Protein backbone atom coordinates (compact mmCIF):
# COMPACT_ATOMS: atom_id res chain seq x y z
CA UNK A 1 -0.05 -0.03 0.12
CA UNK A 2 1.11 3.13 -0.34
CA UNK A 3 0.61 6.61 2.73
CA UNK A 4 -1.97 7.75 0.82
CA UNK A 5 -4.30 4.73 1.12
CA UNK A 6 -5.60 2.86 4.23
CA UNK A 7 -4.85 -0.64 6.10
CA UNK A 8 -9.24 -1.85 4.95
CA UNK A 9 -8.64 -0.41 1.74
CA UNK A 10 -5.62 -3.16 0.96
CA UNK A 11 -6.61 -5.87 3.36
CA UNK A 12 -9.86 -6.14 0.77
CA UNK A 13 -7.44 -5.64 -2.33
CA UNK A 14 -6.49 -9.09 -0.26
CA UNK A 15 -9.82 -10.71 -1.04
CA UNK A 16 -10.98 -9.16 -4.22
CA UNK A 17 -6.99 -10.58 -5.41
CA UNK A 18 -8.03 -14.19 -3.85
CA UNK A 19 -11.88 -13.72 -5.99
CA UNK A 20 -9.74 -13.17 -9.37
CA UNK A 21 -7.05 -16.00 -9.34
CA UNK A 22 -10.55 -18.40 -7.58
CA UNK A 23 -8.37 -19.48 -5.23
CA UNK A 24 -10.69 -22.11 -3.43
CA UNK A 25 -10.33 -20.82 0.15
CA UNK A 26 -11.90 -24.18 1.96
CA UNK A 27 -12.94 -23.72 5.45
CA UNK A 28 -9.00 -22.85 7.21
CA UNK A 29 -7.68 -19.60 8.18
CA UNK A 30 -7.22 -16.74 5.68
CA UNK A 31 -4.50 -14.37 6.84
CA UNK A 32 -3.86 -10.35 5.74
CA UNK A 33 -1.57 -8.39 6.90
CA UNK A 34 -0.57 -4.87 4.69
CA UNK A 35 2.55 -3.27 3.88
CA UNK A 36 3.26 0.18 3.41
CA UNK A 37 6.20 1.78 2.12
CA UNK A 38 8.81 -1.01 4.68
CA UNK A 39 6.10 -0.84 7.13
CA UNK A 40 4.03 -4.07 7.98
CA UNK A 41 0.39 -3.39 9.94
CA UNK A 42 -1.09 -5.27 12.41
CA UNK A 43 -1.99 -9.58 10.47
CA UNK A 44 -6.09 -10.32 10.60
CA UNK A 45 -6.73 -13.64 10.43
CA UNK A 46 -10.32 -14.46 9.15
CA UNK A 47 -12.10 -17.65 9.69
CA UNK A 48 -11.82 -19.98 5.93
CA UNK A 49 -15.77 -20.08 5.15
CA UNK A 50 -16.08 -15.60 6.87
CA UNK A 51 -13.95 -15.74 3.67
CA UNK A 52 -15.62 -18.52 1.43
CA UNK A 53 -19.02 -16.56 2.13
CA UNK A 54 -18.11 -13.23 1.66
CA UNK A 55 -15.72 -13.36 -1.19
CA UNK A 56 -16.94 -16.06 -3.35
CA UNK A 57 -20.89 -16.26 -1.97
CA UNK A 58 -21.51 -12.11 -2.05
CA UNK A 59 -23.32 -14.07 1.47
CA UNK A 60 -21.51 -11.94 4.53
CA UNK A 61 -20.69 -8.41 5.31
CA UNK A 62 -18.21 -6.08 6.66
CA UNK A 63 -19.46 -5.76 10.45
CA UNK A 64 -20.08 -9.97 10.09
CA UNK A 65 -15.95 -10.52 9.32
CA UNK A 66 -14.77 -8.20 12.13
CA UNK A 67 -16.75 -10.14 15.22
CA UNK A 68 -14.69 -13.10 13.78
CA UNK A 69 -12.06 -11.29 12.81
CA UNK A 70 -8.44 -11.95 15.27
CA UNK A 71 -5.35 -9.57 15.24
CA UNK A 72 -2.13 -9.85 15.73
CA UNK A 73 -2.37 -13.88 16.00
CA UNK A 74 -0.34 -15.17 14.20
CA UNK A 75 2.78 -13.47 12.91
CA UNK A 76 3.99 -13.30 8.90
CA UNK A 77 7.33 -13.63 7.86
CA UNK A 78 6.66 -12.47 4.83
CA UNK A 79 4.39 -10.60 2.75
CA UNK A 80 4.86 -10.69 -0.63
CA UNK A 81 3.66 -7.59 -2.81
CA UNK A 82 1.80 -7.56 -5.60
CA UNK A 83 4.90 -7.62 -8.80
CA UNK A 84 4.28 -5.35 -11.13
CA UNK A 85 6.91 -6.09 -14.51
CA UNK A 86 6.40 -2.78 -15.73
CA UNK A 87 8.97 -0.52 -14.51
CA UNK A 88 7.35 2.68 -15.67
CA UNK A 89 4.55 1.42 -14.10
CA UNK A 90 5.46 0.99 -10.69
CA UNK A 91 7.46 4.31 -10.36
CA UNK A 92 4.35 6.06 -11.37
CA UNK A 93 3.16 3.70 -8.11
CA UNK A 94 5.20 4.52 -6.11
CA UNK A 95 5.78 8.51 -7.29
CA UNK A 96 4.13 11.62 -5.19
CA UNK A 97 4.23 14.66 -6.54
CA UNK A 98 2.68 17.42 -4.73
CA UNK A 99 3.21 21.56 -4.49
CA UNK A 100 2.39 23.81 -0.73
CA UNK A 101 1.87 27.41 -1.38
CA UNK A 102 3.37 27.68 1.62
CA UNK A 103 2.05 31.53 3.95
CA UNK A 104 3.54 32.03 7.43
CA UNK A 105 2.57 34.53 8.96
CA UNK A 106 2.94 36.05 13.03
CA UNK A 107 2.64 39.31 15.31
CA UNK A 108 5.72 40.23 16.28
CA UNK A 109 6.86 43.68 19.00
CA UNK A 110 8.65 45.79 15.80
CA UNK A 111 7.50 47.57 12.39
CA UNK A 112 5.69 46.80 10.52
CA UNK A 113 3.12 44.75 13.14
CA UNK A 114 2.90 42.40 10.95
CA UNK A 115 4.91 39.87 9.53
CA UNK A 116 4.70 37.26 6.63
CA UNK A 117 6.36 35.38 4.50
CA UNK A 118 4.95 32.93 0.90
CA UNK A 119 7.12 30.12 -0.77
CA UNK A 120 5.63 27.68 -3.91
CA UNK A 121 7.70 24.32 -2.43
CA UNK A 122 7.17 21.53 -5.42
CA UNK A 123 8.41 17.80 -4.02
CA UNK A 124 8.48 14.49 -5.13
CA UNK A 125 8.70 11.76 -2.74
CA UNK A 126 9.69 8.11 -3.98
CA UNK A 127 9.09 4.79 -2.24
CA UNK A 128 11.51 2.33 -3.23
CA UNK A 129 12.24 -1.31 -1.95
CA UNK A 130 12.64 -2.60 1.14
CA UNK A 131 11.60 0.46 2.97
CA UNK A 132 14.08 3.40 1.42
CA UNK A 133 12.03 6.42 0.09
CA UNK A 134 14.13 9.66 -0.94
CA UNK A 135 12.39 13.33 -0.89
CA UNK A 136 13.51 16.35 -2.24
CA UNK A 137 11.96 20.07 -2.74
CA UNK A 138 13.01 22.98 -3.53
CA UNK A 139 11.70 26.43 -2.40
CA UNK A 140 10.51 29.35 -4.67
CA UNK A 141 10.05 32.42 -2.65
CA UNK A 142 7.02 34.45 -3.65
CA UNK A 143 7.48 37.53 -1.39
CA UNK A 144 8.31 38.27 2.88
CA UNK A 145 8.33 41.46 5.27
CA UNK A 146 10.04 39.34 7.65
CA UNK A 147 13.93 41.79 7.14
CA UNK A 148 12.52 43.53 10.53
CA UNK A 149 13.69 40.63 12.50
CA UNK A 150 17.22 41.23 10.91
CA UNK A 151 17.45 44.23 14.13
CA UNK A 152 16.40 42.01 17.23
CA UNK A 153 18.82 43.23 20.00
CA UNK A 154 18.76 39.32 21.46
CA UNK A 155 23.01 38.76 21.04
CA UNK A 156 22.59 34.61 21.51
CA UNK A 157 22.87 32.47 18.33
CA UNK A 158 19.60 32.87 16.22
CA UNK A 159 17.75 29.83 15.60
CA UNK A 160 14.28 30.60 13.60
CA UNK A 161 14.58 35.09 13.84
CA UNK A 162 17.14 34.92 10.99
CA UNK A 163 13.94 33.67 9.08
CA UNK A 164 15.08 37.10 6.28
CA UNK A 165 18.31 35.44 4.88
CA UNK A 166 16.15 32.41 4.35
CA UNK A 167 13.40 33.74 2.30
CA UNK A 168 15.48 35.74 -0.87
CA UNK A 169 16.55 33.94 -3.57
CA UNK A 170 15.36 29.77 -5.15
CA UNK A 171 16.44 27.54 -2.29
CA UNK A 172 16.40 23.68 -1.87
CA UNK A 173 14.32 22.99 0.81
CA UNK A 174 15.14 19.38 1.52
CA UNK A 175 16.89 16.29 -0.17
CA UNK A 176 16.93 13.34 2.65
CA UNK A 177 16.64 9.70 2.46
CA UNK A 178 14.43 7.85 4.80
CA UNK A 179 14.53 3.91 5.45
CA UNK A 180 11.19 2.96 7.59
CA UNK A 181 10.76 -0.63 9.43
CA UNK A 182 8.83 -2.88 11.73
CA UNK A 183 11.11 -4.60 13.55
CA UNK A 184 8.19 -6.02 16.43
CA UNK A 185 4.80 -6.25 16.14
CA UNK A 186 2.98 -2.81 16.69
CA UNK A 187 6.59 -1.07 16.27
CA UNK A 188 7.90 1.15 13.73
CA UNK A 189 10.73 2.88 13.30
CA UNK A 190 11.86 5.29 10.69
CA UNK A 191 15.65 6.31 10.07
CA UNK A 192 16.43 9.89 8.23
CA UNK A 193 19.08 12.31 6.85
CA UNK A 194 19.72 14.83 4.37
CA UNK A 195 18.61 18.28 4.36
CA UNK A 196 16.11 17.59 6.38
CA UNK A 197 14.23 20.79 6.59
CA UNK A 198 15.26 24.68 5.52
CA UNK A 199 17.02 25.50 7.93
CA UNK A 200 19.04 22.32 9.29
CA UNK A 201 20.33 18.91 8.11
CA UNK A 202 21.78 16.04 10.21
CA UNK A 203 20.44 12.44 10.85
CA UNK A 204 17.60 11.03 12.91
CA UNK A 205 16.01 8.32 13.87
CA UNK A 206 11.44 7.50 15.09
CA UNK A 207 10.67 5.18 17.01
CA UNK A 208 6.78 4.83 17.43
CA UNK A 209 4.84 2.11 19.68
CA UNK A 210 1.17 1.76 18.21
CA UNK A 211 -0.68 -1.06 19.62
CA UNK A 212 -3.36 -2.62 17.70
CA UNK A 213 -6.98 -1.81 20.26
CA UNK A 214 -5.51 1.00 22.20
CA UNK A 215 -5.50 4.26 21.35
CA UNK A 216 -3.31 5.27 23.12
CA UNK A 217 0.43 5.28 20.73
CA UNK A 218 4.20 6.38 23.04
CA UNK A 219 7.51 7.83 20.06
CA UNK A 220 10.11 8.35 20.57
CA UNK A 221 12.95 10.59 18.01
CA UNK A 222 16.19 11.87 18.17
CA UNK A 223 18.17 14.46 15.61
CA UNK A 224 21.93 15.11 14.98
CA UNK A 225 21.46 18.94 13.34
CA UNK A 226 23.94 21.05 11.83
CA UNK A 227 22.19 24.56 10.82
CA UNK A 228 22.16 25.17 6.98
CA UNK A 229 24.90 28.99 5.53
CA UNK A 230 22.25 30.97 4.43
CA UNK A 231 24.58 32.89 2.29
CA UNK A 232 25.46 29.92 -0.14
CA UNK A 233 23.69 28.85 -3.17
CA UNK A 234 20.74 27.62 -2.34
CA UNK A 235 21.52 27.64 1.31
CA UNK A 236 22.96 24.11 0.49
CA UNK A 237 26.09 24.24 2.37
CA UNK A 238 26.04 23.71 6.43
CA UNK A 239 28.19 25.21 9.70
CA UNK A 240 29.89 24.31 12.02
CA UNK A 241 27.36 25.05 15.17
CA UNK A 242 26.04 21.48 15.70
CA UNK A 243 23.57 21.04 18.20
CA UNK A 244 21.13 17.75 19.43
CA UNK A 245 17.09 17.65 19.67
CA UNK A 246 15.18 15.53 20.61
CA UNK A 247 11.66 14.28 21.99
CA UNK A 248 9.31 11.77 24.14
CA UNK A 249 6.23 11.69 22.64
CA UNK A 250 2.48 10.24 23.97
CA UNK A 251 -0.64 10.68 21.61
CA UNK A 252 -4.09 9.49 21.99
CA UNK A 253 -6.26 8.85 18.86
CA UNK A 254 -10.04 10.24 19.25
CA UNK A 255 -11.86 7.10 18.98
CA UNK A 256 -14.92 7.10 16.29
CA UNK A 257 -13.26 11.31 15.23
CA UNK A 258 -9.89 12.10 13.51
CA UNK A 259 -8.73 13.99 16.44
CA UNK A 260 -5.48 13.57 18.27
CA UNK A 261 -3.85 15.07 21.69
CA UNK A 262 -0.17 14.02 21.95
CA UNK A 263 2.03 15.26 24.71
CA UNK A 264 5.82 15.81 23.31
CA UNK A 265 8.94 16.36 25.93
CA UNK A 266 12.44 16.74 25.15
CA UNK A 267 15.66 19.48 23.77
CA UNK A 268 14.38 22.12 21.49
CA UNK A 269 17.32 23.32 18.52
CA UNK A 270 18.03 26.54 21.35
CA UNK A 271 19.24 23.82 23.48
CA UNK A 272 16.28 24.36 25.80
CA UNK A 273 13.54 21.64 27.36
CA UNK A 274 10.26 21.98 27.80
CA UNK A 275 7.33 20.96 26.53
CA UNK A 276 4.81 21.05 23.91
CA UNK A 277 0.59 20.15 23.94
CA UNK A 278 -0.51 19.30 20.37
CA UNK A 279 -4.46 18.66 18.60
CA UNK A 280 -4.74 18.12 15.57
CA UNK A 281 -7.48 17.22 13.75
CA UNK A 282 -8.10 15.79 10.15
CA UNK A 283 -11.16 16.38 8.57
CA UNK A 284 -13.39 14.04 5.63
CA UNK A 285 -12.66 17.20 2.37
CA UNK A 286 -9.04 16.73 2.90
CA UNK A 287 -8.69 19.52 5.27
CA UNK A 288 -5.66 19.45 8.20
CA UNK A 289 -5.54 21.87 11.80
CA UNK A 290 -2.69 21.55 14.28
CA UNK A 291 -2.38 23.78 16.67
CA UNK A 292 0.54 23.56 19.27
CA UNK A 293 1.56 25.74 23.19
CA UNK A 294 4.79 25.59 23.95
CA UNK A 295 6.83 26.19 26.96
CA UNK A 296 10.48 25.60 27.68
CA UNK A 297 12.59 26.94 29.82
CA UNK A 298 14.11 29.53 28.12
CA UNK A 299 12.54 32.62 27.91
CA UNK A 300 12.54 35.27 25.07
CA UNK A 301 12.26 38.63 25.16
CA UNK A 302 11.36 39.95 21.44
CA UNK A 303 7.42 39.51 20.35
CA UNK A 304 3.85 40.31 21.18
CA UNK A 305 4.19 37.79 24.29
CA UNK A 306 8.06 39.05 25.35
CA UNK A 307 9.58 37.92 28.99
CA UNK A 308 7.86 35.04 28.67
CA UNK A 309 8.64 30.82 28.76
CA UNK A 310 5.46 30.33 25.87
CA UNK A 311 5.31 29.81 22.30
CA UNK A 312 2.43 29.10 20.47
CA UNK A 313 1.26 28.01 16.97
CA UNK A 314 -2.05 27.70 14.79
CA UNK A 315 -1.45 25.65 11.01
CA UNK A 316 -3.97 24.58 8.36
CA UNK A 317 -3.63 22.78 5.10
CA UNK A 318 -6.21 22.08 2.63
CA UNK A 319 -5.62 20.54 -0.82
CA UNK A 320 -6.65 22.58 -4.11
CA UNK A 321 -5.40 20.23 -7.23
CA UNK A 322 -6.52 16.88 -8.33
CA UNK A 323 -4.35 13.66 -9.49
CA UNK A 324 -2.89 15.00 -12.04
CA UNK A 325 -0.75 17.43 -10.12
CA UNK A 326 -1.34 17.67 -5.95
CA UNK A 327 -1.42 20.61 -4.87
CA UNK A 328 -2.22 21.81 -1.70
CA UNK A 329 -1.91 25.35 0.73
CA UNK A 330 -0.72 25.62 4.43
CA UNK A 331 -0.99 28.59 6.86
CA UNK A 332 0.93 28.57 9.68
CA UNK A 333 0.22 31.45 12.23
CA UNK A 334 3.02 32.10 15.23
CA UNK A 335 4.41 34.88 17.19
CA UNK A 336 7.94 35.28 14.67
CA UNK A 337 11.32 36.15 16.05
CA UNK A 338 10.90 33.41 19.18
CA UNK A 339 14.13 31.49 19.65
CA UNK A 340 12.71 28.89 22.08
CA UNK A 341 10.11 25.95 21.48
CA UNK A 342 11.31 25.34 17.88
CA UNK A 343 11.50 21.25 16.60
CA UNK A 344 12.56 20.33 13.34
CA UNK A 345 10.83 20.17 10.74
CA UNK A 346 10.90 16.09 9.99
CA UNK A 347 9.92 14.84 6.92
CA UNK A 348 8.37 12.04 7.38
CA UNK A 349 6.80 12.13 11.16
CA UNK A 350 7.08 8.51 12.17
CA UNK A 351 3.59 9.46 13.87
CA UNK A 352 1.66 10.02 10.63
CA UNK A 353 4.04 7.81 8.54
CA UNK A 354 2.17 5.03 10.42
CA UNK A 355 -1.36 6.40 11.01
CA UNK A 356 -2.78 4.52 7.64
CA UNK A 357 -2.62 1.71 9.74
CA UNK A 358 -3.90 2.81 13.07
CA UNK A 359 -7.13 1.40 14.62
CA UNK A 360 -8.78 4.30 14.18
CA UNK A 361 -7.81 4.34 10.43
CA UNK A 362 -9.23 0.40 10.07
CA UNK A 363 -12.30 0.76 11.84
CA UNK A 364 -13.18 4.23 10.14
CA UNK A 365 -12.48 2.57 6.61
CA UNK A 366 -13.84 -0.98 7.12
CA UNK A 367 -17.38 -0.81 5.83
CA UNK A 368 -16.03 -0.24 3.16
CA UNK A 369 -13.89 -4.12 2.78
CA UNK A 370 -15.79 -5.60 0.68
CA UNK A 371 -16.99 -2.57 -2.33
CA UNK A 372 -14.66 -3.75 -5.13
CA UNK A 373 -15.00 -7.49 -5.25
CA UNK A 374 -18.61 -8.07 -6.62
């Protein structure tokens, strides 16, 4: 399966393959497990009779299959995907294009009081065998007025407040390689290296425990990063400014909704320690919302809310394009010029990347499991 699919959809596809190949289904158990870019989802075991009634005789419903379903009972050593011999077809299926219109805005205590930056970010992601993924993105500036932040008197090394230097021309947004795997049942991990985001490069690892049947998940990530040089061509060169950042994360997927609450605690890019509380919500039309509140032990002296350890952010992403060239818009509102409480913009956050394999997403799509079988 690809990251834009869901596990129930792929399990239904597995049942369709059984019918298409006219497999003689007896009373032995049938086990299916979705595989996505190196990650393995929960193993589903069904009674052979139930599968025969649903696939061959059209006399069973997804709800009836659910009642007799067993999850992660019979581990699968290998679950090979459908082989595609056409190289171009395979490359097209595993390649994702996107054009993002990125708008960053915020309030500050310098003039002008409202700052903004607009960019166009085309990107490509290629999924390769054995869990390898390659990502590449460029940033094209459309306008900004963040020069006012260059006059801030903070003598500490900048983390985000010199954003104007990263907004003056065409730049390499990110270029990275990632590898994902599921070493144990319900445990997913990822390793990424390269130009991770617009201001930092480096390498890091992520892991998440997402037990099937529970709305709770626990994860952790750690990154060794170097600051990129905004005076180099397309900001490609790295400086000697090296740091470590990482967090432990606990999340709760609210059942029968698309809302998730999470808490992250750890070390931020400025070397400060603290906690971020986040809430995310996805709508059926593809719009995603996110709100963060962060507290760290670093005190900031500039901004609308100055002399404080708190920072906040609100973000919305909504789709705009079609299948030929998927396009979306992202709007982020936060205080600009603050360096405390800043996280690395991870290329493939493991909690988001593994979400299609979560209990909530499987349940949400389960009623359509048999839609395309008959």
